[in-house]
PDB file of N, CA and C in Angstrom:
ATOM      1  N   MET A   1     107.977  35.536-109.127  1.00  0.00           N
ATOM      2  CA  MET A   1     108.370  34.526-108.182  1.00  0.00           C
ATOM      3  C   MET A   1     107.168  33.994-107.407  1.00  0.00           C
ATOM      4  N   LYS A   2     106.058  33.783-108.058  1.00  0.00           N
ATOM      5  CA  LYS A   2     104.873  33.251-107.399  1.00  0.00           C
ATOM      6  C   LYS A   2     105.014  31.753-107.136  1.00  0.00           C
ATOM      7  N   PHE A   3     105.917  31.126-107.814  1.00  0.00           N
ATOM      8  CA  PHE A   3     106.108  29.682-107.660  1.00  0.00           C
ATOM      9  C   PHE A   3     106.697  29.332-106.297  1.00  0.00           C
ATOM     10  N   LYS A   4     107.447  30.220-105.720  1.00  0.00           N
ATOM     11  CA  LYS A   4     108.176  29.936-104.486  1.00  0.00           C
ATOM     12  C   LYS A   4     107.240  29.726-103.293  1.00  0.00           C
ATOM     13  N   GLN A   5     106.192  30.503-103.173  1.00  0.00           N
ATOM     14  CA  GLN A   5     105.312  30.406-102.008  1.00  0.00           C
ATOM     15  C   GLN A   5     104.549  29.082-101.940  1.00  0.00           C
ATOM     16  N   PRO A   6     103.903  28.614-103.008  1.00  0.00           N
ATOM     17  CA  PRO A   6     103.226  27.313-102.903  1.00  0.00           C
ATOM     18  C   PRO A   6     104.210  26.170-102.652  1.00  0.00           C
ATOM     19  N   PHE A   7     105.375  26.256-103.250  1.00  0.00           N
ATOM     20  CA  PHE A   7     106.377  25.209-103.062  1.00  0.00           C
ATOM     21  C   PHE A   7     106.835  25.146-101.609  1.00  0.00           C
ATOM     22  N   LEU A   8     107.069  26.300-101.006  1.00  0.00           N
ATOM     23  CA  LEU A   8     107.471  26.337 -99.601  1.00  0.00           C
ATOM     24  C   LEU A   8     106.347  25.844 -98.690  1.00  0.00           C
ATOM     25  N   GLY A   9     105.116  26.176 -99.050  1.00  0.00           N
ATOM     26  CA  GLY A   9     103.972  25.708 -98.263  1.00  0.00           C
ATOM     27  C   GLY A   9     103.848  24.195 -98.286  1.00  0.00           C
ATOM     28  N   VAL A  10     104.038  23.616 -99.459  1.00  0.00           N
ATOM     29  CA  VAL A  10     103.975  22.159 -99.584  1.00  0.00           C
ATOM     30  C   VAL A  10     105.109  21.515 -98.795  1.00  0.00           C
ATOM     31  N   CYS A  11     106.304  22.078 -98.883  1.00  0.00           N
ATOM     32  CA  CYS A  11     107.443  21.545 -98.124  1.00  0.00           C
ATOM     33  C   CYS A  11     107.188  21.616 -96.624  1.00  0.00           C
ATOM     34  N   LEU A  12     106.615  22.710 -96.178  1.00  0.00           N
ATOM     35  CA  LEU A  12     106.317  22.871 -94.759  1.00  0.00           C
ATOM     36  C   LEU A  12     105.289  21.844 -94.295  1.00  0.00           C
ATOM     37  N   LEU A  13     104.242  21.634 -95.090  1.00  0.00           N
ATOM     38  CA  LEU A  13     103.229  20.642 -94.727  1.00  0.00           C
ATOM     39  C   LEU A  13     103.817  19.238 -94.669  1.00  0.00           C
ATOM     40  N   LEU A  14     104.666  18.916 -95.630  1.00  0.00           N
ATOM     41  CA  LEU A  14     105.285  17.589 -95.628  1.00  0.00           C
ATOM     42  C   LEU A  14     106.194  17.398 -94.426  1.00  0.00           C
ATOM     43  N   CYS A  15     106.909  18.434 -94.056  1.00  0.00           N
ATOM     44  CA  CYS A  15     107.795  18.331 -92.893  1.00  0.00           C
ATOM     45  C   CYS A  15     107.002  18.173 -91.603  1.00  0.00           C
ATOM     46  N   LEU A  16     105.899  18.907 -91.494  1.00  0.00           N
ATOM     47  CA  LEU A  16     105.111  18.861 -90.264  1.00  0.00           C
ATOM     48  C   LEU A  16     104.302  17.579 -90.129  1.00  0.00           C
ATOM     49  N   PHE A  17     103.643  17.174 -91.215  1.00  0.00           N
ATOM     50  CA  PHE A  17     102.737  16.034 -91.129  1.00  0.00           C
ATOM     51  C   PHE A  17     103.338  14.744 -91.658  1.00  0.00           C
ATOM     52  N   GLY A  18     104.326  14.830 -92.494  1.00  0.00           N
ATOM     53  CA  GLY A  18     104.934  13.630 -93.057  1.00  0.00           C
ATOM     54  C   GLY A  18     105.771  12.869 -92.057  1.00  0.00           C
ATOM     55  N   GLY A  19     106.436  13.541 -91.151  1.00  0.00           N
ATOM     56  CA  GLY A  19     107.285  12.870 -90.181  1.00  0.00           C
ATOM     57  C   GLY A  19     106.586  12.557 -88.881  1.00  0.00           C
ATOM     58  N   GLY A  20     105.349  12.984 -88.729  1.00  0.00           N
ATOM     59  CA  GLY A  20     104.625  12.767 -87.484  1.00  0.00           C
ATOM     60  C   GLY A  20     104.442  11.310 -87.114  1.00  0.00           C
ATOM     61  N   PRO A  21     103.900  10.488 -88.009  1.00  0.00           N
ATOM     62  CA  PRO A  21     103.720   9.076 -87.657  1.00  0.00           C
ATOM     63  C   PRO A  21     105.034   8.363 -87.362  1.00  0.00           C
ATOM     64  N   LEU A  22     106.096   8.720 -88.065  1.00  0.00           N
ATOM     65  CA  LEU A  22     107.384   8.089 -87.802  1.00  0.00           C
ATOM     66  C   LEU A  22     107.907   8.476 -86.427  1.00  0.00           C
ATOM     67  N   ALA A  23     107.713   9.724 -86.063  1.00  0.00           N
ATOM     68  CA  ALA A  23     108.177  10.171 -84.754  1.00  0.00           C
ATOM     69  C   ALA A  23     107.372   9.508 -83.638  1.00  0.00           C
ATOM     70  N   LEU A  24     106.083   9.332 -83.860  1.00  0.00           N
ATOM     71  CA  LEU A  24     105.252   8.697 -82.844  1.00  0.00           C
ATOM     72  C   LEU A  24     105.553   7.211 -82.715  1.00  0.00           C
ATOM     73  N   ALA A  25     105.856   6.558 -83.824  1.00  0.00           N
ATOM     74  CA  ALA A  25     106.115   5.117 -83.794  1.00  0.00           C
ATOM     75  C   ALA A  25     107.371   4.796 -83.003  1.00  0.00           C
ATOM     76  N   GLY A  26     108.366   5.640 -83.076  1.00  0.00           N
ATOM     77  CA  GLY A  26     109.605   5.368 -82.367  1.00  0.00           C
ATOM     78  C   GLY A  26     109.685   6.033 -81.012  1.00  0.00           C
ATOM     79  N   ASN A  27     108.567   6.526 -80.515  1.00  0.00           N
ATOM     80  CA  ASN A  27     108.584   7.310 -79.289  1.00  0.00           C
ATOM     81  C   ASN A  27     108.007   6.531 -78.107  1.00  0.00           C
ATOM     82  N   HIS A  28     108.399   5.273 -77.964  1.00  0.00           N
ATOM     83  CA  HIS A  28     107.939   4.506 -76.822  1.00  0.00           C
ATOM     84  C   HIS A  28     109.125   4.185 -75.923  1.00  0.00           C
ATOM     85  N   PRO A  29     108.886   4.085 -74.647  1.00  0.00           N
ATOM     86  CA  PRO A  29     109.998   3.831 -73.729  1.00  0.00           C
ATOM     87  C   PRO A  29     110.626   2.463 -73.975  1.00  0.00           C
ATOM     88  N   PRO A  30     111.948   2.378 -73.918  1.00  0.00           N
ATOM     89  CA  PRO A  30     112.609   1.101 -74.173  1.00  0.00           C
ATOM     90  C   PRO A  30     112.284   0.031 -73.137  1.00  0.00           C
ATOM     91  N   GLU A  31     111.864   0.432 -71.941  1.00  0.00           N
ATOM     92  CA  GLU A  31     111.543  -0.585 -70.946  1.00  0.00           C
ATOM     93  C   GLU A  31     110.267  -1.343 -71.288  1.00  0.00           C
ATOM     94  N   MET A  32     109.455  -0.828 -72.218  1.00  0.00           N
ATOM     95  CA  MET A  32     108.264  -1.547 -72.642  1.00  0.00           C
ATOM     96  C   MET A  32     108.637  -2.742 -73.509  1.00  0.00           C
ATOM     97  N   GLU A  33     109.758  -2.661 -74.195  1.00  0.00           N
ATOM     98  CA  GLU A  33     110.211  -3.780 -75.004  1.00  0.00           C
ATOM     99  C   GLU A  33     110.835  -4.820 -74.097  1.00  0.00           C
ATOM    100  N   ARG A  34     110.573  -6.064 -74.411  1.00  0.00           N
ATOM    101  CA  ARG A  34     111.205  -7.131 -73.658  1.00  0.00           C
ATOM    102  C   ARG A  34     111.460  -8.291 -74.597  1.00  0.00           C
ATOM    103  N   SER A  35     112.401  -9.086 -74.262  1.00  0.00           N
ATOM    104  CA  SER A  35     112.754 -10.228 -75.077  1.00  0.00           C
ATOM    105  C   SER A  35     111.740 -11.341 -74.835  1.00  0.00           C
ATOM    106  N   ARG A  36     111.123 -11.800 -75.919  1.00  0.00           N
ATOM    107  CA  ARG A  36     110.106 -12.848 -75.818  1.00  0.00           C
ATOM    108  C   ARG A  36     110.340 -13.887 -76.897  1.00  0.00           C
ATOM    109  N   ARG A  37     109.846 -15.066 -76.650  1.00  0.00           N
ATOM    110  CA  ARG A  37     109.956 -16.123 -77.655  1.00  0.00           C
ATOM    111  C   ARG A  37     109.072 -15.794 -78.844  1.00  0.00           C
ATOM    112  N   LEU A  38     109.598 -16.017 -80.036  1.00  0.00           N
ATOM    113  CA  LEU A  38     108.847 -15.734 -81.259  1.00  0.00           C
ATOM    114  C   LEU A  38     107.571 -16.570 -81.323  1.00  0.00           C
ATOM    115  N   LEU A  39     107.620 -17.803 -80.854  1.00  0.00           N
ATOM    116  CA  LEU A  39     106.423 -18.655 -80.860  1.00  0.00           C
ATOM    117  C   LEU A  39     105.300 -18.040 -80.026  1.00  0.00           C
ATOM    118  N   ASP A  40     105.643 -17.471 -78.874  1.00  0.00           N
ATOM    119  CA  ASP A  40     104.631 -16.842 -78.019  1.00  0.00           C
ATOM    120  C   ASP A  40     104.028 -15.612 -78.687  1.00  0.00           C
ATOM    121  N   VAL A  41     104.878 -14.819 -79.319  1.00  0.00           N
ATOM    122  CA  VAL A  41     104.397 -13.610 -80.000  1.00  0.00           C
ATOM    123  C   VAL A  41     103.469 -13.988 -81.147  1.00  0.00           C
ATOM    124  N   LEU A  42     103.841 -14.996 -81.927  1.00  0.00           N
ATOM    125  CA  LEU A  42     102.993 -15.425 -83.043  1.00  0.00           C
ATOM    126  C   LEU A  42     101.666 -15.988 -82.546  1.00  0.00           C
ATOM    127  N   ASP A  43     101.683 -16.722 -81.448  1.00  0.00           N
ATOM    128  CA  ASP A  43     100.432 -17.241 -80.879  1.00  0.00           C
ATOM    129  C   ASP A  43      99.516 -16.108 -80.428  1.00  0.00           C
ATOM    130  N   GLU A  44     100.078 -15.110 -79.753  1.00  0.00           N
ATOM    131  CA  GLU A  44      99.272 -13.963 -79.311  1.00  0.00           C
ATOM    132  C   GLU A  44      98.689 -13.202 -80.492  1.00  0.00           C
ATOM    133  N   MET A  45      99.514 -12.975 -81.514  1.00  0.00           N
ATOM    134  CA  MET A  45      99.028 -12.248 -82.689  1.00  0.00           C
ATOM    135  C   MET A  45      97.959 -13.050 -83.420  1.00  0.00           C
ATOM    136  N   SER A  46      98.121 -14.355 -83.454  1.00  0.00           N
ATOM    137  CA  SER A  46      97.139 -15.214 -84.102  1.00  0.00           C
ATOM    138  C   SER A  46      95.785 -15.116 -83.409  1.00  0.00           C
ATOM    139  N   GLU A  47      95.792 -15.124 -82.091  1.00  0.00           N
ATOM    140  CA  GLU A  47      94.542 -15.005 -81.338  1.00  0.00           C
ATOM    141  C   GLU A  47      93.941 -13.610 -81.448  1.00  0.00           C
ATOM    142  N   GLN A  48      94.776 -12.593 -81.328  1.00  0.00           N
ATOM    143  CA  GLN A  48      94.280 -11.217 -81.315  1.00  0.00           C
ATOM    144  C   GLN A  48      93.703 -10.810 -82.667  1.00  0.00           C
ATOM    145  N   TYR A  49      94.385 -11.153 -83.753  1.00  0.00           N
ATOM    146  CA  TYR A  49      93.961 -10.702 -85.080  1.00  0.00           C
ATOM    147  C   TYR A  49      93.240 -11.790 -85.865  1.00  0.00           C
ATOM    148  N   GLN A  50      93.047 -12.949 -85.266  1.00  0.00           N
ATOM    149  CA  GLN A  50      92.346 -14.072 -85.880  1.00  0.00           C
ATOM    150  C   GLN A  50      92.935 -14.423 -87.239  1.00  0.00           C
ATOM    151  N   VAL A  51      94.237 -14.643 -87.239  1.00  0.00           N
ATOM    152  CA  VAL A  51      94.952 -15.064 -88.446  1.00  0.00           C
ATOM    153  C   VAL A  51      95.726 -16.337 -88.119  1.00  0.00           C
ATOM    154  N   PHE A  52      96.144 -17.035 -89.161  1.00  0.00           N
ATOM    155  CA  PHE A  52      96.911 -18.260 -88.986  1.00  0.00           C
ATOM    156  C   PHE A  52      98.314 -18.067 -89.526  1.00  0.00           C
ATOM    157  N   PHE A  53      99.289 -18.535 -88.785  1.00  0.00           N
ATOM    158  CA  PHE A  53     100.676 -18.551 -89.228  1.00  0.00           C
ATOM    159  C   PHE A  53     101.092 -20.008 -89.361  1.00  0.00           C
ATOM    160  N   SER A  54     101.755 -20.323 -90.450  1.00  0.00           N
ATOM    161  CA  SER A  54     102.289 -21.678 -90.584  1.00  0.00           C
ATOM    162  C   SER A  54     103.805 -21.604 -90.524  1.00  0.00           C
ATOM    163  N   TYR A  55     104.380 -22.434 -89.684  1.00  0.00           N
ATOM    164  CA  TYR A  55     105.822 -22.422 -89.485  1.00  0.00           C
ATOM    165  C   TYR A  55     106.246 -23.763 -88.906  1.00  0.00           C
ATOM    166  N   GLU A  56     107.513 -24.038 -89.033  1.00  0.00           N
ATOM    167  CA  GLU A  56     108.108 -25.241 -88.456  1.00  0.00           C
ATOM    168  C   GLU A  56     108.506 -24.918 -87.016  1.00  0.00           C
ATOM    169  N   THR A  57     107.817 -25.488 -86.067  1.00  0.00           N
ATOM    170  CA  THR A  57     108.026 -25.173 -84.655  1.00  0.00           C
ATOM    171  C   THR A  57     109.462 -25.413 -84.214  1.00  0.00           C
ATOM    172  N   SER A  58     110.065 -26.466 -84.703  1.00  0.00           N
ATOM    173  CA  SER A  58     111.433 -26.782 -84.269  1.00  0.00           C
ATOM    174  C   SER A  58     112.432 -25.718 -84.715  1.00  0.00           C
ATOM    175  N   LEU A  59     112.134 -25.014 -85.807  1.00  0.00           N
ATOM    176  CA  LEU A  59     113.042 -23.969 -86.288  1.00  0.00           C
ATOM    177  C   LEU A  59     112.907 -22.675 -85.492  1.00  0.00           C
ATOM    178  N   LEU A  60     111.728 -22.415 -84.951  1.00  0.00           N
ATOM    179  CA  LEU A  60     111.479 -21.153 -84.252  1.00  0.00           C
ATOM    180  C   LEU A  60     111.568 -21.272 -82.737  1.00  0.00           C
ATOM    181  N   ARG A  61     111.775 -22.455 -82.232  1.00  0.00           N
ATOM    182  CA  ARG A  61     111.714 -22.698 -80.790  1.00  0.00           C
ATOM    183  C   ARG A  61     112.678 -21.825 -79.991  1.00  0.00           C
ATOM    184  N   GLU A  62     113.882 -21.615 -80.475  1.00  0.00           N
ATOM    185  CA  GLU A  62     114.894 -20.894 -79.696  1.00  0.00           C
ATOM    186  C   GLU A  62     115.060 -19.428 -80.091  1.00  0.00           C
ATOM    187  N   ILE A  63     114.246 -18.940 -81.003  1.00  0.00           N
ATOM    188  CA  ILE A  63     114.374 -17.554 -81.467  1.00  0.00           C
ATOM    189  C   ILE A  63     113.616 -16.629 -80.521  1.00  0.00           C
ATOM    190  N   GLU A  64     114.300 -15.569 -80.092  1.00  0.00           N
ATOM    191  CA  GLU A  64     113.671 -14.557 -79.246  1.00  0.00           C
ATOM    192  C   GLU A  64     113.685 -13.224 -79.974  1.00  0.00           C
ATOM    193  N   VAL A  65     112.648 -12.434 -79.758  1.00  0.00           N
ATOM    194  CA  VAL A  65     112.522 -11.125 -80.396  1.00  0.00           C
ATOM    195  C   VAL A  65     112.240 -10.081 -79.328  1.00  0.00           C
ATOM    196  N   ASN A  66     112.608  -8.847 -79.598  1.00  0.00           N
ATOM    197  CA  ASN A  66     112.258  -7.723 -78.726  1.00  0.00           C
ATOM    198  C   ASN A  66     110.925  -7.194 -79.201  1.00  0.00           C
ATOM    199  N   PHE A  67     109.915  -7.350 -78.387  1.00  0.00           N
ATOM    200  CA  PHE A  67     108.569  -6.993 -78.819  1.00  0.00           C
ATOM    201  C   PHE A  67     107.802  -6.437 -77.649  1.00  0.00           C
TER     202      PHE A  67
END
């Protein structure tokens, strides 16, 4: 039964380190999220990451996202 120990070790490592980033990503206080206009969020992301988004402004004008 030498197969059981390495298998359990791998399972333990995956449980400990595999779920870590997911747990950290969802571990922010809900009060940090706020409803914002999608156009504003895209403009901020465009400036921060120096990327361009192309979209029809009239279609996105009234859309709000929790971000």
